[in-house]
Amino acid sequence: QVQFVESGGGLVQPGGSLRLSCAASGSMFSSYAMGWYRQAPGKQREFVATITSGGTTNYADSVKGRFTISRDNAKNTVYLQMNSLKPEDTAVYYCNTPGRAIRGSWGQGTQVTVSS
């Protein structure tokens, strides 16, 4: 089984930046596509960004141009660099494989709050 531990969330002012990290356990990390997802209070969880094992990225329109997903396979870690943060980015952020996300398996997540 692969386990993911998200970190790096916190309170930031609008326009600020945060870098989220997702540490993965397991020996086959490099073979997985990885994604970031978020869930705002009272709203459904939504897709944020994905990166394939080959490094191809995809982003939700709401974050395109502001967020960057990357991975370091040697460290079994995926990152989400978030710039120009907006209050509407406030959510719990989760990392996951797309497959596990579809199956409804989620970890703890990390809280991102964008507020002045």
N, C-alpha and C. Protein backbone atom coordinates (compact mmCIF):
# COMPACT_ATOMS: atom_id res chain seq x y z
N GLN A 1 0.83 -1.18 0.00
CA GLN A 1 0.00 0.00 0.00
C GLN A 1 0.88 1.25 0.00
N VAL A 2 0.42 2.28 -0.69
CA VAL A 2 1.09 3.57 -0.72
C VAL A 2 0.38 4.50 0.25
N GLN A 3 1.17 5.18 1.06
CA GLN A 3 0.64 6.17 2.00
C GLN A 3 1.20 7.54 1.63
N PHE A 4 0.38 8.56 1.80
CA PHE A 4 0.78 9.92 1.48
C PHE A 4 0.60 10.81 2.71
N VAL A 5 1.60 11.64 2.98
CA VAL A 5 1.55 12.57 4.09
C VAL A 5 1.77 13.97 3.56
N GLU A 6 0.73 14.79 3.64
CA GLU A 6 0.79 16.16 3.15
C GLU A 6 1.32 17.09 4.23
N SER A 7 2.05 18.11 3.83
CA SER A 7 2.54 19.11 4.76
C SER A 7 2.75 20.43 4.02
N GLY A 8 2.96 21.48 4.78
CA GLY A 8 3.28 22.78 4.21
C GLY A 8 2.14 23.78 4.21
N GLY A 9 0.97 23.36 4.64
CA GLY A 9 -0.15 24.28 4.70
C GLY A 9 0.01 25.29 5.81
N GLY A 10 -0.87 26.26 5.81
CA GLY A 10 -0.83 27.29 6.83
C GLY A 10 -1.68 28.47 6.45
N LEU A 11 -1.52 29.53 7.19
CA LEU A 11 -2.25 30.78 6.96
C LEU A 11 -1.37 31.72 6.16
N VAL A 12 -1.91 32.25 5.08
CA VAL A 12 -1.17 33.16 4.23
C VAL A 12 -2.10 34.28 3.76
N GLN A 13 -1.54 35.45 3.53
CA GLN A 13 -2.32 36.57 3.04
C GLN A 13 -2.58 36.45 1.54
N PRO A 14 -3.67 37.04 1.06
CA PRO A 14 -3.90 37.04 -0.39
C PRO A 14 -2.69 37.58 -1.13
N GLY A 15 -2.36 36.94 -2.23
CA GLY A 15 -1.19 37.30 -3.00
C GLY A 15 0.08 36.59 -2.57
N GLY A 16 0.02 35.91 -1.45
CA GLY A 16 1.18 35.20 -0.94
C GLY A 16 1.38 33.86 -1.59
N SER A 17 2.38 33.14 -1.10
CA SER A 17 2.75 31.85 -1.65
C SER A 17 2.92 30.80 -0.57
N LEU A 18 2.68 29.57 -0.93
CA LEU A 18 2.94 28.41 -0.10
C LEU A 18 3.45 27.29 -0.98
N ARG A 19 4.25 26.43 -0.40
CA ARG A 19 4.70 25.23 -1.08
C ARG A 19 4.27 24.02 -0.27
N LEU A 20 3.41 23.22 -0.85
CA LEU A 20 2.95 22.00 -0.21
C LEU A 20 3.83 20.84 -0.63
N SER A 21 4.03 19.92 0.30
CA SER A 21 4.79 18.71 0.02
C SER A 21 3.94 17.49 0.32
N CYS A 22 4.17 16.45 -0.41
CA CYS A 22 3.49 15.18 -0.20
C CYS A 22 4.53 14.09 -0.22
N ALA A 23 4.78 13.51 0.94
CA ALA A 23 5.75 12.43 1.05
C ALA A 23 5.02 11.11 0.90
N ALA A 24 5.51 10.29 0.01
CA ALA A 24 4.88 9.01 -0.28
C ALA A 24 5.75 7.87 0.20
N SER A 25 5.11 6.88 0.77
CA SER A 25 5.79 5.63 1.08
C SER A 25 5.58 4.66 -0.07
N GLY A 26 6.41 3.67 -0.13
CA GLY A 26 6.30 2.68 -1.19
C GLY A 26 7.45 2.75 -2.15
N SER A 27 7.72 1.65 -2.78
CA SER A 27 8.88 1.53 -3.66
C SER A 27 8.59 1.82 -5.12
N MET A 28 7.32 2.03 -5.46
CA MET A 28 6.93 2.22 -6.85
C MET A 28 6.43 3.64 -7.12
N PHE A 29 6.88 4.60 -6.32
CA PHE A 29 6.40 5.96 -6.45
C PHE A 29 6.60 6.50 -7.87
N SER A 30 7.75 6.23 -8.45
CA SER A 30 8.07 6.80 -9.75
C SER A 30 7.13 6.33 -10.86
N SER A 31 6.42 5.24 -10.63
CA SER A 31 5.51 4.71 -11.64
C SER A 31 4.11 5.31 -11.56
N TYR A 32 3.82 6.05 -10.50
CA TYR A 32 2.48 6.59 -10.29
C TYR A 32 2.34 7.99 -10.86
N ALA A 33 1.22 8.23 -11.52
CA ALA A 33 0.79 9.61 -11.68
C ALA A 33 0.33 10.12 -10.31
N MET A 34 0.56 11.39 -10.05
CA MET A 34 0.20 11.98 -8.77
C MET A 34 -0.65 13.22 -8.98
N GLY A 35 -1.48 13.50 -8.01
CA GLY A 35 -2.34 14.66 -8.12
C GLY A 35 -2.53 15.37 -6.79
N TRP A 36 -2.90 16.62 -6.91
CA TRP A 36 -3.35 17.41 -5.77
C TRP A 36 -4.83 17.72 -5.94
N TYR A 37 -5.55 17.65 -4.84
CA TYR A 37 -6.98 17.89 -4.80
C TYR A 37 -7.26 18.78 -3.60
N ARG A 38 -8.39 19.43 -3.59
CA ARG A 38 -8.72 20.28 -2.45
C ARG A 38 -10.21 20.25 -2.17
N GLN A 39 -10.54 20.54 -0.93
CA GLN A 39 -11.93 20.60 -0.52
C GLN A 39 -12.11 21.82 0.38
N ALA A 40 -12.90 22.76 -0.09
CA ALA A 40 -13.22 23.95 0.67
C ALA A 40 -14.42 23.66 1.58
N PRO A 41 -14.56 24.43 2.66
CA PRO A 41 -15.70 24.21 3.56
C PRO A 41 -17.03 24.27 2.83
N GLY A 42 -17.85 23.26 3.03
CA GLY A 42 -19.17 23.22 2.43
C GLY A 42 -19.19 22.89 0.96
N LYS A 43 -18.05 22.55 0.38
CA LYS A 43 -17.99 22.26 -1.04
C LYS A 43 -17.43 20.86 -1.28
N GLN A 44 -17.62 20.38 -2.48
CA GLN A 44 -17.11 19.07 -2.84
C GLN A 44 -15.61 19.14 -3.13
N ARG A 45 -14.95 18.03 -2.95
CA ARG A 45 -13.54 17.95 -3.28
C ARG A 45 -13.36 18.13 -4.79
N GLU A 46 -12.31 18.84 -5.18
CA GLU A 46 -12.08 19.11 -6.58
C GLU A 46 -10.63 18.87 -6.97
N PHE A 47 -10.45 18.58 -8.22
CA PHE A 47 -9.14 18.41 -8.82
C PHE A 47 -8.39 19.72 -8.87
N VAL A 48 -7.11 19.70 -8.57
CA VAL A 48 -6.25 20.87 -8.66
C VAL A 48 -5.20 20.70 -9.75
N ALA A 49 -4.42 19.63 -9.66
CA ALA A 49 -3.33 19.42 -10.61
C ALA A 49 -2.90 17.97 -10.59
N THR A 50 -2.35 17.51 -11.69
CA THR A 50 -1.77 16.17 -11.76
C THR A 50 -0.44 16.23 -12.48
N ILE A 51 0.39 15.24 -12.20
CA ILE A 51 1.64 15.07 -12.91
C ILE A 51 1.83 13.59 -13.16
N THR A 52 2.14 13.24 -14.38
CA THR A 52 2.34 11.84 -14.73
C THR A 52 3.73 11.39 -14.32
N SER A 53 3.96 10.09 -14.42
CA SER A 53 5.28 9.57 -14.12
C SER A 53 6.34 10.15 -15.06
N GLY A 54 5.92 10.55 -16.25
CA GLY A 54 6.83 11.16 -17.20
C GLY A 54 6.97 12.66 -17.08
N GLY A 55 6.23 13.27 -16.16
CA GLY A 55 6.37 14.69 -15.91
C GLY A 55 5.36 15.57 -16.61
N THR A 56 4.41 15.00 -17.31
CA THR A 56 3.37 15.79 -17.94
C THR A 56 2.40 16.31 -16.89
N THR A 57 2.10 17.59 -16.94
CA THR A 57 1.25 18.22 -15.93
C THR A 57 -0.08 18.64 -16.50
N ASN A 58 -1.06 18.74 -15.61
CA ASN A 58 -2.38 19.21 -15.96
C ASN A 58 -2.93 19.98 -14.77
N TYR A 59 -3.66 21.06 -15.05
CA TYR A 59 -4.14 21.94 -13.99
C TYR A 59 -5.60 22.29 -14.18
N ALA A 60 -6.27 22.47 -13.06
CA ALA A 60 -7.60 23.04 -13.11
C ALA A 60 -7.50 24.48 -13.60
N ASP A 61 -8.51 24.92 -14.33
CA ASP A 61 -8.50 26.28 -14.86
C ASP A 61 -8.35 27.32 -13.75
N SER A 62 -8.90 27.04 -12.59
CA SER A 62 -8.89 27.99 -11.50
C SER A 62 -7.50 28.27 -10.94
N VAL A 63 -6.55 27.36 -11.18
CA VAL A 63 -5.21 27.53 -10.64
C VAL A 63 -4.15 27.66 -11.71
N LYS A 64 -4.52 27.49 -12.95
CA LYS A 64 -3.56 27.53 -14.05
C LYS A 64 -2.83 28.87 -14.07
N GLY A 65 -1.52 28.81 -14.18
CA GLY A 65 -0.71 30.01 -14.18
C GLY A 65 -0.28 30.47 -12.81
N ARG A 66 -0.89 29.92 -11.77
CA ARG A 66 -0.55 30.30 -10.40
C ARG A 66 0.11 29.16 -9.62
N PHE A 67 -0.32 27.94 -9.89
CA PHE A 67 0.18 26.77 -9.18
C PHE A 67 1.08 25.95 -10.09
N THR A 68 2.06 25.29 -9.50
CA THR A 68 2.95 24.40 -10.24
C THR A 68 3.11 23.10 -9.47
N ILE A 69 2.80 22.00 -10.12
CA ILE A 69 3.01 20.69 -9.53
C ILE A 69 4.34 20.13 -10.04
N SER A 70 5.08 19.50 -9.17
CA SER A 70 6.34 18.90 -9.55
C SER A 70 6.58 17.66 -8.69
N ARG A 71 7.57 16.88 -9.06
CA ARG A 71 7.87 15.69 -8.28
C ARG A 71 9.36 15.44 -8.24
N ASP A 72 9.80 14.83 -7.17
CA ASP A 72 11.17 14.41 -6.99
C ASP A 72 11.12 12.92 -6.67
N ASN A 73 11.31 12.11 -7.69
CA ASN A 73 11.16 10.67 -7.50
C ASN A 73 12.20 10.09 -6.55
N ALA A 74 13.38 10.69 -6.51
CA ALA A 74 14.42 10.23 -5.60
C ALA A 74 14.01 10.40 -4.15
N LYS A 75 13.15 11.38 -3.89
CA LYS A 75 12.67 11.65 -2.53
C LYS A 75 11.25 11.14 -2.30
N ASN A 76 10.67 10.49 -3.29
CA ASN A 76 9.29 10.02 -3.18
C ASN A 76 8.35 11.14 -2.75
N THR A 77 8.51 12.29 -3.36
CA THR A 77 7.78 13.48 -2.94
C THR A 77 7.21 14.21 -4.14
N VAL A 78 5.99 14.70 -3.98
CA VAL A 78 5.37 15.57 -4.97
C VAL A 78 5.10 16.91 -4.29
N TYR A 79 5.22 17.98 -5.04
CA TYR A 79 5.09 19.32 -4.51
C TYR A 79 3.99 20.09 -5.23
N LEU A 80 3.46 21.06 -4.55
CA LEU A 80 2.56 22.02 -5.17
C LEU A 80 3.00 23.41 -4.75
N GLN A 81 3.61 24.13 -5.67
CA GLN A 81 3.97 25.52 -5.43
C GLN A 81 2.77 26.39 -5.76
N MET A 82 2.30 27.13 -4.80
CA MET A 82 1.11 27.95 -4.95
C MET A 82 1.51 29.41 -4.81
N ASN A 83 1.32 30.15 -5.88
CA ASN A 83 1.62 31.58 -5.90
C ASN A 83 0.34 32.37 -6.13
N SER A 84 0.41 33.65 -5.84
CA SER A 84 -0.73 34.54 -6.05
C SER A 84 -2.00 33.98 -5.44
N LEU A 85 -1.89 33.54 -4.21
CA LEU A 85 -3.01 32.88 -3.56
C LEU A 85 -4.19 33.82 -3.35
N LYS A 86 -5.37 33.26 -3.48
CA LYS A 86 -6.62 33.98 -3.33
C LYS A 86 -7.43 33.38 -2.20
N PRO A 87 -8.33 34.16 -1.60
CA PRO A 87 -9.17 33.58 -0.55
C PRO A 87 -9.93 32.34 -1.00
N GLU A 88 -10.32 32.28 -2.25
CA GLU A 88 -11.04 31.12 -2.75
C GLU A 88 -10.17 29.87 -2.86
N ASP A 89 -8.86 30.01 -2.66
CA ASP A 89 -7.98 28.85 -2.60
C ASP A 89 -8.02 28.18 -1.23
N THR A 90 -8.67 28.79 -0.27
CA THR A 90 -8.77 28.22 1.06
C THR A 90 -9.44 26.86 1.01
N ALA A 91 -8.76 25.85 1.51
CA ALA A 91 -9.27 24.49 1.45
C ALA A 91 -8.30 23.57 2.17
N VAL A 92 -8.75 22.35 2.39
CA VAL A 92 -7.84 21.29 2.77
C VAL A 92 -7.31 20.68 1.48
N TYR A 93 -6.00 20.58 1.37
CA TYR A 93 -5.35 20.06 0.18
C TYR A 93 -4.86 18.65 0.42
N TYR A 94 -5.14 17.79 -0.53
CA TYR A 94 -4.80 16.39 -0.46
C TYR A 94 -3.94 15.98 -1.65
N CYS A 95 -2.98 15.11 -1.42
CA CYS A 95 -2.31 14.47 -2.54
C CYS A 95 -2.81 13.05 -2.66
N ASN A 96 -2.76 12.53 -3.85
CA ASN A 96 -3.29 11.20 -4.10
C ASN A 96 -2.89 10.77 -5.50
N THR A 97 -2.98 9.49 -5.76
CA THR A 97 -2.94 9.03 -7.13
C THR A 97 -4.33 9.21 -7.71
N PRO A 98 -4.44 9.50 -9.00
CA PRO A 98 -5.78 9.59 -9.60
C PRO A 98 -6.61 8.34 -9.38
N GLY A 99 -5.99 7.19 -9.43
CA GLY A 99 -6.73 5.96 -9.22
C GLY A 99 -7.32 5.86 -7.84
N ARG A 100 -6.54 6.16 -6.82
CA ARG A 100 -7.05 6.13 -5.46
C ARG A 100 -8.09 7.21 -5.22
N ALA A 101 -7.90 8.36 -5.85
CA ALA A 101 -8.88 9.43 -5.73
C ALA A 101 -10.24 8.98 -6.27
N ILE A 102 -10.22 8.33 -7.41
CA ILE A 102 -11.46 7.83 -8.00
C ILE A 102 -12.13 6.82 -7.08
N ARG A 103 -11.34 6.03 -6.40
CA ARG A 103 -11.86 5.01 -5.50
C ARG A 103 -12.27 5.56 -4.14
N GLY A 104 -12.01 6.83 -3.88
CA GLY A 104 -12.44 7.46 -2.65
C GLY A 104 -11.54 7.24 -1.46
N SER A 105 -10.28 6.97 -1.69
CA SER A 105 -9.32 6.77 -0.62
C SER A 105 -8.47 8.03 -0.44
N TRP A 106 -8.55 8.62 0.76
CA TRP A 106 -7.89 9.90 1.03
C TRP A 106 -7.13 9.87 2.34
N GLY A 107 -6.08 10.69 2.42
CA GLY A 107 -5.34 10.86 3.65
C GLY A 107 -5.84 12.02 4.46
N GLN A 108 -4.97 12.56 5.30
CA GLN A 108 -5.36 13.61 6.23
C GLN A 108 -5.49 14.98 5.56
N GLY A 109 -4.63 15.27 4.61
CA GLY A 109 -4.62 16.57 3.96
C GLY A 109 -3.90 17.61 4.80
N THR A 110 -3.71 18.79 4.22
CA THR A 110 -3.11 19.91 4.92
C THR A 110 -3.93 21.16 4.65
N GLN A 111 -4.20 21.92 5.70
CA GLN A 111 -5.07 23.08 5.60
C GLN A 111 -4.33 24.28 5.03
N VAL A 112 -4.92 24.89 4.03
CA VAL A 112 -4.44 26.15 3.48
C VAL A 112 -5.52 27.19 3.70
N THR A 113 -5.17 28.26 4.38
CA THR A 113 -6.11 29.35 4.62
C THR A 113 -5.52 30.63 4.07
N VAL A 114 -6.25 31.25 3.16
CA VAL A 114 -5.82 32.50 2.54
C VAL A 114 -6.75 33.60 3.04
N SER A 115 -6.23 34.47 3.86
CA SER A 115 -7.06 35.48 4.49
C SER A 115 -6.21 36.66 4.90
N SER A 116 -6.81 37.84 4.84
CA SER A 116 -6.16 39.04 5.31
C SER A 116 -6.62 39.42 6.71
